[in-house]
Amino acid sequence: MKRNSRQLLTLLCAFAALTTFGCSSMKTPATAELAVSKAAVDNAAGAGAAEFAPLEMRSAREKLANANKAMAAKNYELANDLATQAEADAKLAHGKANSAKAQKASAALQDDIRVLREELIRSRK
């Protein structure tokens, strides 16, 4: 019986926490989400996303700027949504930049291999 009471109490506490978080999330500033989004945009920029994924990077920056404006206007729900979208765009830009750099490195490596093969063939003659 004591075990069931403990499980019930744990379940009620979890429900209360979820209810409190769910009700308060739209009324409180989305500062954490903005910080995460800014970090994602900064990471993407550092990875060269402006060069390799300019459209996605521009979209991420615009959405982050609009999220900051919504935050200043105390429209926390919109700020949160825009920050989440900015983070997604930044992660996509980061991924595209990494992919483009890997393809570039692969092409350079393939060229080096081709040159080495040609030199090896010449040296055998």
N, C-alpha and C. Protein backbone atom coordinates (compact mmCIF):
# COMPACT_ATOMS: atom_id res chain seq x y z
N MET A 1 0.83 -1.20 0.00
CA MET A 1 0.00 0.00 0.00
C MET A 1 0.87 1.26 0.00
N LYS A 2 1.97 1.21 0.75
CA LYS A 2 2.84 2.37 0.83
C LYS A 2 3.47 2.66 -0.52
N ARG A 3 3.79 1.60 -1.27
CA ARG A 3 4.39 1.76 -2.59
C ARG A 3 3.41 2.44 -3.54
N ASN A 4 2.14 2.04 -3.53
CA ASN A 4 1.13 2.65 -4.39
C ASN A 4 0.93 4.12 -4.03
N SER A 5 0.97 4.44 -2.75
CA SER A 5 0.82 5.83 -2.33
C SER A 5 1.98 6.67 -2.83
N ARG A 6 3.18 6.12 -2.77
CA ARG A 6 4.36 6.84 -3.24
C ARG A 6 4.28 7.06 -4.75
N GLN A 7 3.85 6.05 -5.49
CA GLN A 7 3.71 6.18 -6.94
C GLN A 7 2.64 7.22 -7.28
N LEU A 8 1.55 7.21 -6.55
CA LEU A 8 0.48 8.17 -6.78
C LEU A 8 0.96 9.58 -6.49
N LEU A 9 1.70 9.75 -5.41
CA LEU A 9 2.23 11.07 -5.06
C LEU A 9 3.20 11.55 -6.14
N THR A 10 4.06 10.66 -6.62
CA THR A 10 5.00 11.02 -7.69
C THR A 10 4.26 11.42 -8.95
N LEU A 11 3.23 10.68 -9.28
CA LEU A 11 2.43 10.98 -10.46
C LEU A 11 1.73 12.33 -10.32
N LEU A 12 1.19 12.61 -9.16
CA LEU A 12 0.53 13.89 -8.93
C LEU A 12 1.52 15.05 -9.00
N CYS A 13 2.71 14.87 -8.44
CA CYS A 13 3.73 15.92 -8.50
C CYS A 13 4.14 16.19 -9.94
N ALA A 14 4.32 15.12 -10.70
CA ALA A 14 4.69 15.28 -12.11
C ALA A 14 3.59 16.00 -12.87
N PHE A 15 2.35 15.64 -12.61
CA PHE A 15 1.22 16.29 -13.27
C PHE A 15 1.16 17.77 -12.91
N ALA A 16 1.38 18.07 -11.64
CA ALA A 16 1.35 19.47 -11.19
C ALA A 16 2.46 20.27 -11.86
N ALA A 17 3.64 19.67 -11.96
CA ALA A 17 4.76 20.36 -12.60
C ALA A 17 4.48 20.61 -14.07
N LEU A 18 3.95 19.62 -14.75
CA LEU A 18 3.62 19.78 -16.18
C LEU A 18 2.53 20.82 -16.38
N THR A 19 1.54 20.80 -15.52
CA THR A 19 0.46 21.77 -15.63
C THR A 19 0.98 23.18 -15.40
N THR A 20 1.80 23.34 -14.39
CA THR A 20 2.37 24.65 -14.09
C THR A 20 3.23 25.14 -15.25
N PHE A 21 4.08 24.27 -15.77
CA PHE A 21 4.94 24.64 -16.89
C PHE A 21 4.10 24.97 -18.12
N GLY A 22 3.11 24.16 -18.41
CA GLY A 22 2.26 24.37 -19.57
C GLY A 22 1.48 25.66 -19.50
N CYS A 23 1.01 26.00 -18.34
CA CYS A 23 0.23 27.22 -18.19
C CYS A 23 1.10 28.46 -18.19
N SER A 24 2.31 28.34 -17.65
CA SER A 24 3.14 29.53 -17.52
C SER A 24 4.01 29.77 -18.74
N SER A 25 4.18 28.79 -19.59
CA SER A 25 5.14 28.93 -20.68
C SER A 25 4.77 30.03 -21.67
N MET A 26 3.52 30.32 -21.83
CA MET A 26 3.13 31.34 -22.79
C MET A 26 3.13 32.75 -22.18
N LYS A 27 3.29 32.82 -20.86
CA LYS A 27 3.24 34.12 -20.20
C LYS A 27 4.61 34.61 -19.78
N THR A 28 5.61 33.74 -19.85
CA THR A 28 6.95 34.11 -19.41
C THR A 28 7.84 34.34 -20.61
N PRO A 29 8.87 35.12 -20.44
CA PRO A 29 9.78 35.39 -21.54
C PRO A 29 10.45 34.11 -22.05
N ALA A 30 10.69 34.09 -23.33
CA ALA A 30 11.31 32.94 -23.98
C ALA A 30 12.82 33.14 -24.05
N THR A 31 13.39 33.62 -22.96
CA THR A 31 14.81 33.97 -22.97
C THR A 31 15.71 32.76 -23.22
N ALA A 32 15.36 31.63 -22.66
CA ALA A 32 16.19 30.44 -22.86
C ALA A 32 16.20 30.03 -24.33
N GLU A 33 15.04 30.02 -24.95
CA GLU A 33 14.96 29.64 -26.36
C GLU A 33 15.70 30.64 -27.24
N LEU A 34 15.63 31.92 -26.89
CA LEU A 34 16.37 32.93 -27.65
C LEU A 34 17.87 32.71 -27.52
N ALA A 35 18.33 32.37 -26.33
CA ALA A 35 19.76 32.12 -26.11
C ALA A 35 20.23 30.91 -26.90
N VAL A 36 19.43 29.86 -26.91
CA VAL A 36 19.78 28.66 -27.67
C VAL A 36 19.82 28.97 -29.16
N SER A 37 18.86 29.73 -29.62
CA SER A 37 18.80 30.09 -31.04
C SER A 37 19.98 30.96 -31.44
N LYS A 38 20.33 31.91 -30.59
CA LYS A 38 21.49 32.76 -30.88
C LYS A 38 22.75 31.93 -30.96
N ALA A 39 22.90 30.99 -30.04
CA ALA A 39 24.08 30.11 -30.06
C ALA A 39 24.12 29.28 -31.34
N ALA A 40 22.96 28.79 -31.78
CA ALA A 40 22.90 28.00 -33.01
C ALA A 40 23.28 28.86 -34.22
N VAL A 41 22.80 30.09 -34.25
CA VAL A 41 23.14 31.01 -35.36
C VAL A 41 24.64 31.32 -35.33
N ASP A 42 25.18 31.57 -34.15
CA ASP A 42 26.61 31.85 -34.03
C ASP A 42 27.45 30.64 -34.46
N ASN A 43 27.04 29.45 -34.06
CA ASN A 43 27.75 28.23 -34.45
C ASN A 43 27.72 28.03 -35.96
N ALA A 44 26.56 28.27 -36.55
CA ALA A 44 26.44 28.13 -38.00
C ALA A 44 27.32 29.14 -38.72
N ALA A 45 27.34 30.36 -38.21
CA ALA A 45 28.19 31.39 -38.82
C ALA A 45 29.65 30.99 -38.72
N GLY A 46 30.04 30.45 -37.58
CA GLY A 46 31.41 30.00 -37.38
C GLY A 46 31.79 28.84 -38.27
N ALA A 47 30.81 28.07 -38.70
CA ALA A 47 31.06 26.92 -39.58
C ALA A 47 31.08 27.31 -41.05
N GLY A 48 30.89 28.60 -41.33
CA GLY A 48 30.92 29.04 -42.72
C GLY A 48 29.59 28.97 -43.42
N ALA A 49 28.51 28.95 -42.67
CA ALA A 49 27.18 28.83 -43.26
C ALA A 49 26.82 30.03 -44.14
N ALA A 50 27.35 31.20 -43.82
CA ALA A 50 27.05 32.37 -44.64
C ALA A 50 27.56 32.17 -46.07
N GLU A 51 28.66 31.45 -46.20
CA GLU A 51 29.22 31.17 -47.53
C GLU A 51 28.55 29.98 -48.21
N PHE A 52 28.34 28.91 -47.45
CA PHE A 52 27.87 27.66 -48.04
C PHE A 52 26.35 27.47 -48.01
N ALA A 53 25.65 28.19 -47.15
CA ALA A 53 24.18 28.10 -47.05
C ALA A 53 23.61 29.48 -46.76
N PRO A 54 23.80 30.42 -47.69
CA PRO A 54 23.42 31.81 -47.41
C PRO A 54 21.92 32.02 -47.20
N LEU A 55 21.08 31.29 -47.93
CA LEU A 55 19.63 31.48 -47.77
C LEU A 55 19.16 31.05 -46.39
N GLU A 56 19.61 29.89 -45.96
CA GLU A 56 19.21 29.39 -44.65
C GLU A 56 19.77 30.27 -43.53
N MET A 57 20.99 30.75 -43.74
CA MET A 57 21.61 31.61 -42.73
C MET A 57 20.88 32.94 -42.62
N ARG A 58 20.51 33.50 -43.75
CA ARG A 58 19.76 34.77 -43.73
C ARG A 58 18.41 34.56 -43.06
N SER A 59 17.75 33.45 -43.36
CA SER A 59 16.46 33.15 -42.75
C SER A 59 16.60 33.01 -41.23
N ALA A 60 17.64 32.34 -40.79
CA ALA A 60 17.87 32.15 -39.35
C ALA A 60 18.08 33.50 -38.67
N ARG A 61 18.89 34.34 -39.29
CA ARG A 61 19.17 35.65 -38.69
C ARG A 61 17.91 36.53 -38.66
N GLU A 62 17.13 36.50 -39.72
CA GLU A 62 15.90 37.30 -39.75
C GLU A 62 14.91 36.83 -38.69
N LYS A 63 14.76 35.51 -38.58
CA LYS A 63 13.82 34.98 -37.59
C LYS A 63 14.29 35.28 -36.17
N LEU A 64 15.60 35.22 -35.95
CA LEU A 64 16.12 35.56 -34.63
C LEU A 64 15.88 37.04 -34.31
N ALA A 65 16.10 37.90 -35.30
CA ALA A 65 15.84 39.33 -35.10
C ALA A 65 14.36 39.57 -34.81
N ASN A 66 13.48 38.89 -35.55
CA ASN A 66 12.04 39.04 -35.31
C ASN A 66 11.64 38.47 -33.95
N ALA A 67 12.30 37.41 -33.53
CA ALA A 67 12.03 36.85 -32.20
C ALA A 67 12.42 37.84 -31.12
N ASN A 68 13.53 38.52 -31.31
CA ASN A 68 13.95 39.54 -30.34
C ASN A 68 12.94 40.70 -30.30
N LYS A 69 12.42 41.07 -31.47
CA LYS A 69 11.41 42.13 -31.51
C LYS A 69 10.13 41.69 -30.79
N ALA A 70 9.72 40.44 -31.03
CA ALA A 70 8.53 39.92 -30.37
C ALA A 70 8.74 39.86 -28.85
N MET A 71 9.93 39.52 -28.46
CA MET A 71 10.25 39.47 -27.03
C MET A 71 10.14 40.87 -26.42
N ALA A 72 10.68 41.87 -27.11
CA ALA A 72 10.61 43.25 -26.63
C ALA A 72 9.16 43.72 -26.54
N ALA A 73 8.31 43.21 -27.44
CA ALA A 73 6.89 43.57 -27.43
C ALA A 73 6.09 42.69 -26.46
N LYS A 74 6.80 41.82 -25.72
CA LYS A 74 6.19 40.91 -24.74
C LYS A 74 5.22 39.92 -25.37
N ASN A 75 5.45 39.62 -26.63
CA ASN A 75 4.69 38.56 -27.30
C ASN A 75 5.54 37.30 -27.22
N TYR A 76 5.51 36.66 -26.04
CA TYR A 76 6.41 35.57 -25.73
C TYR A 76 6.15 34.32 -26.55
N GLU A 77 4.91 34.07 -26.88
CA GLU A 77 4.59 32.90 -27.68
C GLU A 77 5.20 33.03 -29.08
N LEU A 78 5.04 34.19 -29.71
CA LEU A 78 5.62 34.42 -31.02
C LEU A 78 7.15 34.40 -30.94
N ALA A 79 7.69 35.01 -29.90
CA ALA A 79 9.15 35.01 -29.72
C ALA A 79 9.68 33.59 -29.62
N ASN A 80 9.00 32.76 -28.88
CA ASN A 80 9.41 31.36 -28.73
C ASN A 80 9.33 30.62 -30.07
N ASP A 81 8.24 30.81 -30.79
CA ASP A 81 8.07 30.14 -32.08
C ASP A 81 9.15 30.57 -33.07
N LEU A 82 9.39 31.87 -33.15
CA LEU A 82 10.40 32.37 -34.09
C LEU A 82 11.80 31.92 -33.69
N ALA A 83 12.07 31.90 -32.41
CA ALA A 83 13.38 31.44 -31.94
C ALA A 83 13.59 29.97 -32.29
N THR A 84 12.56 29.17 -32.13
CA THR A 84 12.64 27.76 -32.49
C THR A 84 12.89 27.59 -33.98
N GLN A 85 12.19 28.38 -34.80
CA GLN A 85 12.39 28.32 -36.24
C GLN A 85 13.80 28.79 -36.62
N ALA A 86 14.27 29.83 -35.96
CA ALA A 86 15.62 30.34 -36.23
C ALA A 86 16.66 29.28 -35.90
N GLU A 87 16.46 28.58 -34.80
CA GLU A 87 17.38 27.51 -34.42
C GLU A 87 17.39 26.41 -35.47
N ALA A 88 16.22 26.03 -35.95
CA ALA A 88 16.13 24.98 -36.98
C ALA A 88 16.83 25.42 -38.26
N ASP A 89 16.60 26.67 -38.68
CA ASP A 89 17.25 27.19 -39.88
C ASP A 89 18.77 27.22 -39.70
N ALA A 90 19.22 27.63 -38.53
CA ALA A 90 20.66 27.70 -38.26
C ALA A 90 21.29 26.31 -38.28
N LYS A 91 20.60 25.34 -37.72
CA LYS A 91 21.12 23.97 -37.73
C LYS A 91 21.18 23.42 -39.15
N LEU A 92 20.18 23.75 -39.95
CA LEU A 92 20.19 23.34 -41.36
C LEU A 92 21.36 24.00 -42.09
N ALA A 93 21.55 25.28 -41.86
CA ALA A 93 22.66 26.01 -42.49
C ALA A 93 24.00 25.41 -42.06
N HIS A 94 24.12 25.08 -40.79
CA HIS A 94 25.34 24.48 -40.27
C HIS A 94 25.60 23.14 -40.94
N GLY A 95 24.57 22.34 -41.04
CA GLY A 95 24.70 21.04 -41.70
C GLY A 95 25.09 21.16 -43.16
N LYS A 96 24.46 22.10 -43.86
CA LYS A 96 24.79 22.31 -45.27
C LYS A 96 26.23 22.79 -45.42
N ALA A 97 26.67 23.66 -44.52
CA ALA A 97 28.05 24.15 -44.58
C ALA A 97 29.03 23.00 -44.36
N ASN A 98 28.76 22.18 -43.36
CA ASN A 98 29.63 21.03 -43.11
C ASN A 98 29.66 20.09 -44.30
N SER A 99 28.50 19.85 -44.89
CA SER A 99 28.42 18.97 -46.05
C SER A 99 29.19 19.54 -47.24
N ALA A 100 29.03 20.82 -47.49
CA ALA A 100 29.73 21.46 -48.61
C ALA A 100 31.24 21.43 -48.40
N LYS A 101 31.68 21.66 -47.17
CA LYS A 101 33.11 21.61 -46.89
C LYS A 101 33.65 20.19 -47.05
N ALA A 102 32.88 19.20 -46.64
CA ALA A 102 33.31 17.82 -46.79
C ALA A 102 33.39 17.44 -48.27
N GLN A 103 32.41 17.89 -49.06
CA GLN A 103 32.45 17.61 -50.50
C GLN A 103 33.65 18.28 -51.15
N LYS A 104 33.95 19.49 -50.73
CA LYS A 104 35.11 20.21 -51.26
C LYS A 104 36.40 19.48 -50.91
N ALA A 105 36.52 19.02 -49.68
CA ALA A 105 37.70 18.27 -49.25
C ALA A 105 37.81 16.95 -49.99
N SER A 106 36.69 16.31 -50.21
CA SER A 106 36.67 15.05 -50.95
C SER A 106 37.12 15.24 -52.38
N ALA A 107 36.65 16.31 -53.02
CA ALA A 107 37.05 16.60 -54.40
C ALA A 107 38.55 16.87 -54.48
N ALA A 108 39.07 17.61 -53.50
CA ALA A 108 40.51 17.90 -53.48
C ALA A 108 41.31 16.62 -53.29
N LEU A 109 40.84 15.74 -52.43
CA LEU A 109 41.50 14.47 -52.20
C LEU A 109 41.48 13.61 -53.46
N GLN A 110 40.34 13.59 -54.15
CA GLN A 110 40.24 12.83 -55.40
C GLN A 110 41.22 13.37 -56.44
N ASP A 111 41.37 14.68 -56.51
CA ASP A 111 42.35 15.28 -57.44
C ASP A 111 43.76 14.86 -57.07
N ASP A 112 44.08 14.87 -55.79
CA ASP A 112 45.41 14.45 -55.35
C ASP A 112 45.66 13.00 -55.71
N ILE A 113 44.69 12.15 -55.54
CA ILE A 113 44.83 10.73 -55.87
C ILE A 113 45.05 10.57 -57.38
N ARG A 114 44.31 11.32 -58.16
CA ARG A 114 44.47 11.25 -59.62
C ARG A 114 45.89 11.66 -60.02
N VAL A 115 46.40 12.73 -59.45
CA VAL A 115 47.76 13.20 -59.76
C VAL A 115 48.79 12.14 -59.36
N LEU A 116 48.61 11.55 -58.19
CA LEU A 116 49.55 10.50 -57.75
C LEU A 116 49.52 9.30 -58.67
N ARG A 117 48.35 8.92 -59.13
CA ARG A 117 48.24 7.80 -60.07
C ARG A 117 48.96 8.11 -61.38
N GLU A 118 48.76 9.32 -61.87
CA GLU A 118 49.42 9.72 -63.12
C GLU A 118 50.94 9.71 -62.95
N GLU A 119 51.43 10.17 -61.82
CA GLU A 119 52.87 10.16 -61.57
C GLU A 119 53.40 8.74 -61.45
N LEU A 120 52.62 7.87 -60.81
CA LEU A 120 53.02 6.47 -60.67
C LEU A 120 53.10 5.81 -62.04
N ILE A 121 52.14 6.08 -62.89
CA ILE A 121 52.13 5.51 -64.25
C ILE A 121 53.34 6.02 -65.02
N ARG A 122 53.64 7.31 -64.95
CA ARG A 122 54.80 7.89 -65.64
C ARG A 122 56.11 7.31 -65.14
N SER A 123 56.17 7.06 -63.85
CA SER A 123 57.43 6.55 -63.28
C SER A 123 57.67 5.10 -63.68
N ARG A 124 56.66 4.35 -64.03
CA ARG A 124 56.79 2.95 -64.45
C ARG A 124 57.25 2.83 -65.90
N LYS A 125 57.11 3.88 -66.68
CA LYS A 125 57.46 3.81 -68.10
C LYS A 125 58.94 3.94 -68.32
